[in-house]
Structure formats: C-alpha cells, structure tokens
PDB file of N, CA and C in Angstrom:
ATOM      1  N   MET A   1     144.524 136.367  98.796  1.00  0.00           N
ATOM      2  CA  MET A   1     143.605 135.690  97.855  1.00  0.00           C
ATOM      3  C   MET A   1     142.396 136.684  97.733  1.00  0.00           C
ATOM      4  N   LYS A   2     142.115 136.999  96.478  1.00  0.00           N
ATOM      5  CA  LYS A   2     141.011 137.948  96.148  1.00  0.00           C
ATOM      6  C   LYS A   2     139.690 137.253  95.842  1.00  0.00           C
ATOM      7  N   SER A   3     138.662 137.825  96.284  1.00  0.00           N
ATOM      8  CA  SER A   3     137.400 137.168  95.829  1.00  0.00           C
ATOM      9  C   SER A   3     136.435 138.343  95.532  1.00  0.00           C
ATOM     10  N   ASP A   4     135.659 138.101  94.528  1.00  0.00           N
ATOM     11  CA  ASP A   4     134.692 139.140  94.105  1.00  0.00           C
ATOM     12  C   ASP A   4     133.360 138.726  94.758  1.00  0.00           C
ATOM     13  N   LEU A   5     132.727 139.683  95.476  1.00  0.00           N
ATOM     14  CA  LEU A   5     131.613 139.479  96.148  1.00  0.00           C
ATOM     15  C   LEU A   5     130.370 140.065  95.398  1.00  0.00           C
ATOM     16  N   VAL A   6     129.226 139.351  95.237  1.00  0.00           N
ATOM     17  CA  VAL A   6     128.106 139.860  94.580  1.00  0.00           C
ATOM     18  C   VAL A   6     127.010 140.077  95.566  1.00  0.00           C
ATOM     19  N   HIS A   7     126.411 141.227  95.706  1.00  0.00           N
ATOM     20  CA  HIS A   7     125.460 141.498  96.780  1.00  0.00           C
ATOM     21  C   HIS A   7     124.053 140.608  96.382  1.00  0.00           C
ATOM     22  N   SER A   8     123.470 140.177  97.398  1.00  0.00           N
ATOM     23  CA  SER A   8     122.330 139.360  97.282  1.00  0.00           C
ATOM     24  C   SER A   8     121.022 140.146  97.239  1.00  0.00           C
ATOM     25  N   ILE A   9     121.119 141.463  97.308  1.00  0.00           N
ATOM     26  CA  ILE A   9     119.916 142.298  97.266  1.00  0.00           C
ATOM     27  C   ILE A   9     119.689 142.588  95.810  1.00  0.00           C
ATOM     28  N   VAL A  10     118.362 142.042  95.380  1.00  0.00           N
ATOM     29  CA  VAL A  10     117.997 142.280  94.083  1.00  0.00           C
ATOM     30  C   VAL A  10     117.196 143.601  93.914  1.00  0.00           C
ATOM     31  N   GLN A  11     117.445 144.397  92.934  1.00  0.00           N
ATOM     32  CA  GLN A  11     116.815 145.723  92.904  1.00  0.00           C
ATOM     33  C   GLN A  11     115.877 145.621  91.626  1.00  0.00           C
ATOM     34  N   MET A  12     114.645 146.039  91.817  1.00  0.00           N
ATOM     35  CA  MET A  12     113.577 145.928  90.770  1.00  0.00           C
ATOM     36  C   MET A  12     112.769 147.190  90.871  1.00  0.00           C
ATOM     37  N   GLU A  13     112.028 147.395  89.766  1.00  0.00           N
ATOM     38  CA  GLU A  13     111.131 148.523  89.771  1.00  0.00           C
ATOM     39  C   GLU A  13     109.970 148.359  90.637  1.00  0.00           C
ATOM     40  N   ALA A  14     109.386 149.465  91.112  1.00  0.00           N
ATOM     41  CA  ALA A  14     108.351 149.456  92.164  1.00  0.00           C
ATOM     42  C   ALA A  14     107.016 148.710  91.507  1.00  0.00           C
ATOM     43  N   ASN A  15     106.734 148.946  90.170  1.00  0.00           N
ATOM     44  CA  ASN A  15     105.501 148.461  89.667  1.00  0.00           C
ATOM     45  C   ASN A  15     105.673 146.921  89.560  1.00  0.00           C
ATOM     46  N   ILE A  16     106.883 146.464  89.199  1.00  0.00           N
ATOM     47  CA  ILE A  16     107.065 144.987  89.031  1.00  0.00           C
ATOM     48  C   ILE A  16     106.904 144.320  90.485  1.00  0.00           C
ATOM     49  N   LEU A  17     107.463 145.017  91.494  1.00  0.00           N
ATOM     50  CA  LEU A  17     107.365 144.462  92.758  1.00  0.00           C
ATOM     51  C   LEU A  17     105.945 144.510  93.269  1.00  0.00           C
ATOM     52  N   LYS A  18     105.132 145.376  92.895  1.00  0.00           N
ATOM     53  CA  LYS A  18     103.810 145.424  93.366  1.00  0.00           C
ATOM     54  C   LYS A  18     102.911 144.321  92.640  1.00  0.00           C
ATOM     55  N   GLN A  19     103.199 143.960  91.418  1.00  0.00           N
ATOM     56  CA  GLN A  19     102.664 142.859  90.661  1.00  0.00           C
ATOM     57  C   GLN A  19     102.937 141.567  91.415  1.00  0.00           C
ATOM     58  N   LEU A  20     104.174 141.380  91.822  1.00  0.00           N
ATOM     59  CA  LEU A  20     104.591 140.221  92.391  1.00  0.00           C
ATOM     60  C   LEU A  20     103.886 139.927  93.808  1.00  0.00           C
ATOM     61  N   VAL A  21     103.732 141.045  94.514  1.00  0.00           N
ATOM     62  CA  VAL A  21     103.204 140.790  95.907  1.00  0.00           C
ATOM     63  C   VAL A  21     101.680 140.977  96.001  1.00  0.00           C
ATOM     64  N   THR A  22     100.968 141.241  94.932  1.00  0.00           N
ATOM     65  CA  THR A  22      99.484 141.351  94.984  1.00  0.00           C
ATOM     66  C   THR A  22      98.827 140.001  95.258  1.00  0.00           C
ATOM     67  N   GLU A  23      97.783 140.041  96.030  1.00  0.00           N
ATOM     68  CA  GLU A  23      97.017 138.978  96.498  1.00  0.00           C
ATOM     69  C   GLU A  23      96.104 138.401  95.381  1.00  0.00           C
ATOM     70  N   VAL A  24      96.218 137.102  95.150  1.00  0.00           N
ATOM     71  CA  VAL A  24      95.314 136.565  94.057  1.00  0.00           C
ATOM     72  C   VAL A  24      94.229 135.793  94.841  1.00  0.00           C
ATOM     73  N   LYS A  25      93.062 136.046  94.464  1.00  0.00           N
ATOM     74  CA  LYS A  25      91.909 135.342  95.027  1.00  0.00           C
ATOM     75  C   LYS A  25      91.441 134.108  94.140  1.00  0.00           C
ATOM     76  N   GLU A  26      91.512 132.918  94.660  1.00  0.00           N
ATOM     77  CA  GLU A  26      91.248 131.730  93.980  1.00  0.00           C
ATOM     78  C   GLU A  26      90.259 130.853  94.717  1.00  0.00           C
ATOM     79  N   THR A  27      89.514 130.152  93.927  1.00  0.00           N
ATOM     80  CA  THR A  27      88.605 129.196  94.593  1.00  0.00           C
ATOM     81  C   THR A  27      89.213 127.779  94.541  1.00  0.00           C
ATOM     82  N   VAL A  28      88.910 127.005  95.585  1.00  0.00           N
ATOM     83  CA  VAL A  28      89.452 125.684  95.777  1.00  0.00           C
ATOM     84  C   VAL A  28      88.354 124.736  95.348  1.00  0.00           C
ATOM     85  N   ALA A  29      88.684 123.778  94.480  1.00  0.00           N
ATOM     86  CA  ALA A  29      87.671 122.755  94.052  1.00  0.00           C
ATOM     87  C   ALA A  29      87.568 121.705  95.171  1.00  0.00           C
ATOM     88  N   THR A  30      86.471 121.757  95.805  1.00  0.00           N
ATOM     89  CA  THR A  30      86.302 120.693  96.843  1.00  0.00           C
ATOM     90  C   THR A  30      85.460 119.572  96.404  1.00  0.00           C
ATOM     91  N   GLU A  31      84.718 119.602  95.276  1.00  0.00           N
ATOM     92  CA  GLU A  31      83.876 118.547  94.908  1.00  0.00           C
ATOM     93  C   GLU A  31      84.486 117.573  93.896  1.00  0.00           C
ATOM     94  N   VAL A  32      85.731 117.773  93.669  1.00  0.00           N
ATOM     95  CA  VAL A  32      86.505 116.974  92.690  1.00  0.00           C
ATOM     96  C   VAL A  32      87.048 115.748  93.476  1.00  0.00           C
ATOM     97  N   GLU A  33      86.712 114.570  93.013  1.00  0.00           N
ATOM     98  CA  GLU A  33      87.226 113.328  93.558  1.00  0.00           C
ATOM     99  C   GLU A  33      88.403 112.810  92.829  1.00  0.00           C
ATOM    100  N   LEU A  34      89.501 112.661  93.324  1.00  0.00           N
ATOM    101  CA  LEU A  34      90.667 112.099  92.700  1.00  0.00           C
ATOM    102  C   LEU A  34      90.677 110.492  92.759  1.00  0.00           C
ATOM    103  N   PRO A  35      91.083 109.942  91.674  1.00  0.00           N
ATOM    104  CA  PRO A  35      91.121 108.433  91.758  1.00  0.00           C
ATOM    105  C   PRO A  35      92.127 107.987  92.851  1.00  0.00           C
ATOM    106  N   ARG A  36      91.576 106.975  93.577  1.00  0.00           N
ATOM    107  CA  ARG A  36      92.524 106.450  94.631  1.00  0.00           C
ATOM    108  C   ARG A  36      93.485 105.475  94.066  1.00  0.00           C
ATOM    109  N   ALA A  37      94.696 105.438  94.492  1.00  0.00           N
ATOM    110  CA  ALA A  37      95.692 104.376  94.096  1.00  0.00           C
ATOM    111  C   ALA A  37      95.320 103.043  94.695  1.00  0.00           C
ATOM    112  N   ARG A  38      95.387 102.013  93.772  1.00  0.00           N
ATOM    113  CA  ARG A  38      95.121 100.651  94.233  1.00  0.00           C
ATOM    114  C   ARG A  38      96.194 100.306  95.287  1.00  0.00           C
ATOM    115  N   LYS A  39      95.818  99.512  96.285  1.00  0.00           N
ATOM    116  CA  LYS A  39      96.610  99.052  97.241  1.00  0.00           C
ATOM    117  C   LYS A  39      97.330  97.922  96.707  1.00  0.00           C
ATOM    118  N   SER A  40      98.630  97.752  97.058  1.00  0.00           N
ATOM    119  CA  SER A  40      99.423  96.755  96.508  1.00  0.00           C
ATOM    120  C   SER A  40      98.952  95.384  97.045  1.00  0.00           C
ATOM    121  N   SER A  41      98.946  94.357  96.228  1.00  0.00           N
ATOM    122  CA  SER A  41      98.444  93.025  96.594  1.00  0.00           C
ATOM    123  C   SER A  41      99.562  92.167  96.982  1.00  0.00           C
ATOM    124  N   PHE A  42     100.744  92.667  97.066  1.00  0.00           N
ATOM    125  CA  PHE A  42     101.951  91.916  97.520  1.00  0.00           C
ATOM    126  C   PHE A  42     102.015  91.845  98.999  1.00  0.00           C
ATOM    127  N   GLY A  43     101.843  90.770  99.548  1.00  0.00           N
ATOM    128  CA  GLY A  43     101.906  90.577 101.093  1.00  0.00           C
ATOM    129  C   GLY A  43     102.928  89.592 101.549  1.00  0.00           C
ATOM    130  N   VAL A  44     102.619  89.212 102.745  1.00  0.00           N
ATOM    131  CA  VAL A  44     103.521  88.226 103.468  1.00  0.00           C
ATOM    132  C   VAL A  44     103.511  86.854 102.696  1.00  0.00           C
ATOM    133  N   THR A  45     102.371  86.431 102.380  1.00  0.00           N
ATOM    134  CA  THR A  45     102.148  85.118 101.647  1.00  0.00           C
ATOM    135  C   THR A  45     102.939  85.093 100.297  1.00  0.00           C
ATOM    136  N   ASN A  46     103.000  86.142  99.555  1.00  0.00           N
ATOM    137  CA  ASN A  46     103.788  86.256  98.418  1.00  0.00           C
ATOM    138  C   ASN A  46     105.195  86.118  98.734  1.00  0.00           C
ATOM    139  N   LEU A  47     105.730  86.773  99.774  1.00  0.00           N
ATOM    140  CA  LEU A  47     107.143  86.725 100.077  1.00  0.00           C
ATOM    141  C   LEU A  47     107.474  85.347 100.533  1.00  0.00           C
ATOM    142  N   TRP A  48     106.676  84.678 101.278  1.00  0.00           N
ATOM    143  CA  TRP A  48     106.847  83.371 101.688  1.00  0.00           C
ATOM    144  C   TRP A  48     106.989  82.467 100.521  1.00  0.00           C
ATOM    145  N   ALA A  49     106.109  82.583  99.534  1.00  0.00           N
ATOM    146  CA  ALA A  49     106.106  81.621  98.363  1.00  0.00           C
ATOM    147  C   ALA A  49     107.377  81.885  97.543  1.00  0.00           C
ATOM    148  N   ILE A  50     107.866  83.043  97.419  1.00  0.00           N
ATOM    149  CA  ILE A  50     109.090  83.389  96.734  1.00  0.00           C
ATOM    150  C   ILE A  50     110.307  82.729  97.376  1.00  0.00           C
ATOM    151  N   ARG A  51     110.309  82.748  98.598  1.00  0.00           N
ATOM    152  CA  ARG A  51     111.370  82.144  99.390  1.00  0.00           C
ATOM    153  C   ARG A  51     111.350  80.696  99.309  1.00  0.00           C
ATOM    154  N   ARG A  52     110.227  80.103  99.401  1.00  0.00           N
ATOM    155  CA  ARG A  52     109.988  78.666  99.357  1.00  0.00           C
ATOM    156  C   ARG A  52     110.389  78.241  97.921  1.00  0.00           C
ATOM    157  N   LYS A  53     110.026  78.829  96.900  1.00  0.00           N
ATOM    158  CA  LYS A  53     110.317  78.462  95.491  1.00  0.00           C
ATOM    159  C   LYS A  53     111.908  78.444  95.287  1.00  0.00           C
ATOM    160  N   SER A  54     112.445  79.575  95.799  1.00  0.00           N
ATOM    161  CA  SER A  54     114.007  79.655  95.674  1.00  0.00           C
ATOM    162  C   SER A  54     114.809  78.658  96.364  1.00  0.00           C
ATOM    163  N   ARG A  55     114.215  78.086  97.480  1.00  0.00           N
ATOM    164  CA  ARG A  55     114.901  77.020  98.151  1.00  0.00           C
ATOM    165  C   ARG A  55     114.813  75.750  97.283  1.00  0.00           C
ATOM    166  N   TYR A  56     113.671  75.442  96.651  1.00  0.00           N
ATOM    167  CA  TYR A  56     113.603  74.316  95.806  1.00  0.00           C
ATOM    168  C   TYR A  56     114.342  74.438  94.559  1.00  0.00           C
ATOM    169  N   ALA A  57     114.507  75.613  94.045  1.00  0.00           N
ATOM    170  CA  ALA A  57     115.169  75.845  92.770  1.00  0.00           C
ATOM    171  C   ALA A  57     116.751  75.623  93.121  1.00  0.00           C
ATOM    172  N   ALA A  58     117.239  76.035  94.246  1.00  0.00           N
ATOM    173  CA  ALA A  58     118.556  75.909  94.704  1.00  0.00           C
ATOM    174  C   ALA A  58     118.919  74.341  94.817  1.00  0.00           C
ATOM    175  N   THR A  59     118.059  73.618  95.307  1.00  0.00           N
ATOM    176  CA  THR A  59     118.383  72.128  95.445  1.00  0.00           C
ATOM    177  C   THR A  59     118.427  71.518  94.114  1.00  0.00           C
ATOM    178  N   ALA A  60     117.625  72.029  93.124  1.00  0.00           N
ATOM    179  CA  ALA A  60     117.567  71.320  91.772  1.00  0.00           C
ATOM    180  C   ALA A  60     118.899  71.752  90.994  1.00  0.00           C
ATOM    181  N   ARG A  61     119.494  72.784  91.405  1.00  0.00           N
ATOM    182  CA  ARG A  61     120.783  73.208  90.614  1.00  0.00           C
ATOM    183  C   ARG A  61     122.008  72.593  91.160  1.00  0.00           C
ATOM    184  N   ARG A  62     121.927  71.964  92.359  1.00  0.00           N
ATOM    185  CA  ARG A  62     123.050  71.316  93.001  1.00  0.00           C
ATOM    186  C   ARG A  62     123.484  70.078  92.024  1.00  0.00           C
ATOM    187  N   LYS A  63     124.734  69.858  92.166  1.00  0.00           N
ATOM    188  CA  LYS A  63     125.330  68.682  91.506  1.00  0.00           C
ATOM    189  C   LYS A  63     124.834  67.368  91.980  1.00  0.00           C
ATOM    190  N   PRO A  64     124.280  66.560  91.085  1.00  0.00           N
ATOM    191  CA  PRO A  64     123.682  65.231  91.618  1.00  0.00           C
ATOM    192  C   PRO A  64     124.782  64.353  92.121  1.00  0.00           C
ATOM    193  N   ARG A  65     124.474  63.628  93.229  1.00  0.00           N
ATOM    194  CA  ARG A  65     125.488  62.664  93.776  1.00  0.00           C
ATOM    195  C   ARG A  65     125.394  61.429  92.861  1.00  0.00           C
ATOM    196  N   ILE A  66     126.457  60.797  92.881  1.00  0.00           N
ATOM    197  CA  ILE A  66     126.520  59.621  92.201  1.00  0.00           C
ATOM    198  C   ILE A  66     126.310  58.395  93.283  1.00  0.00           C
ATOM    199  N   ILE A  67     125.209  57.712  92.910  1.00  0.00           N
ATOM    200  CA  ILE A  67     124.754  56.556  93.857  1.00  0.00           C
ATOM    201  C   ILE A  67     125.591  55.264  93.510  1.00  0.00           C
ATOM    202  N   THR A  68     126.234  54.797  94.369  1.00  0.00           N
ATOM    203  CA  THR A  68     126.958  53.607  94.264  1.00  0.00           C
ATOM    204  C   THR A  68     126.755  52.905  95.479  1.00  0.00           C
ATOM    205  N   GLY A  69     126.576  51.668  95.275  1.00  0.00           N
ATOM    206  CA  GLY A  69     126.464  50.615  96.473  1.00  0.00           C
ATOM    207  C   GLY A  69     125.191  50.591  97.062  1.00  0.00           C
ATOM    208  N   PHE A  70     125.200  50.070  98.345  1.00  0.00           N
ATOM    209  CA  PHE A  70     123.930  49.980  99.176  1.00  0.00           C
ATOM    210  C   PHE A  70     123.775  51.065 100.250  1.00  0.00           C
ATOM    211  N   GLY A  71     124.796  51.841 100.469  1.00  0.00           N
ATOM    212  CA  GLY A  71     124.705  52.880 101.483  1.00  0.00           C
ATOM    213  C   GLY A  71     124.207  54.190 101.004  1.00  0.00           C
ATOM    214  N   TYR A  72     123.302  54.098 100.005  1.00  0.00           N
ATOM    215  CA  TYR A  72     122.844  55.527  99.552  1.00  0.00           C
ATOM    216  C   TYR A  72     121.611  55.842 100.346  1.00  0.00           C
TER     217      TYR A  72
END
C-alpha cells in the first residue's frame, strides 16, 4: 500500500517570519464597562406552575365518564 507523505515543516522567507514574530505593544481598555446580562427570571416557582397547569390540562382532556344511576 503506497502513501504519499507531506512534510509538516513550513518554509518561509526570513523577513516574513520576522514580521510574524515581532512583539506588538497594545494598551488594554480598563475603564470600559460592558453591559451585564440580565439574570433569568425563570425559577422554581415557574417550573412548579407549569407542572401544575399540565396536570389540570391532562384531566380536562380525559374522556368524560357517563354518569348513570345513583352510584356516581
């Protein structure tokens, strides 16, 4: 089984390599205030309400029983 290998060494000119590795001096903006993300208002009480509503919705979808006689 033949396979062609490609060498992983990249060859480039010396002046291009020098431009890539030169140090860039930058200033960091420390006085900038980023807007804070609002905290989610979904909590345990919302989850409880959703579950409670689904229980009542399930009972409303059930097939109604036919009431006959006195033993209902």
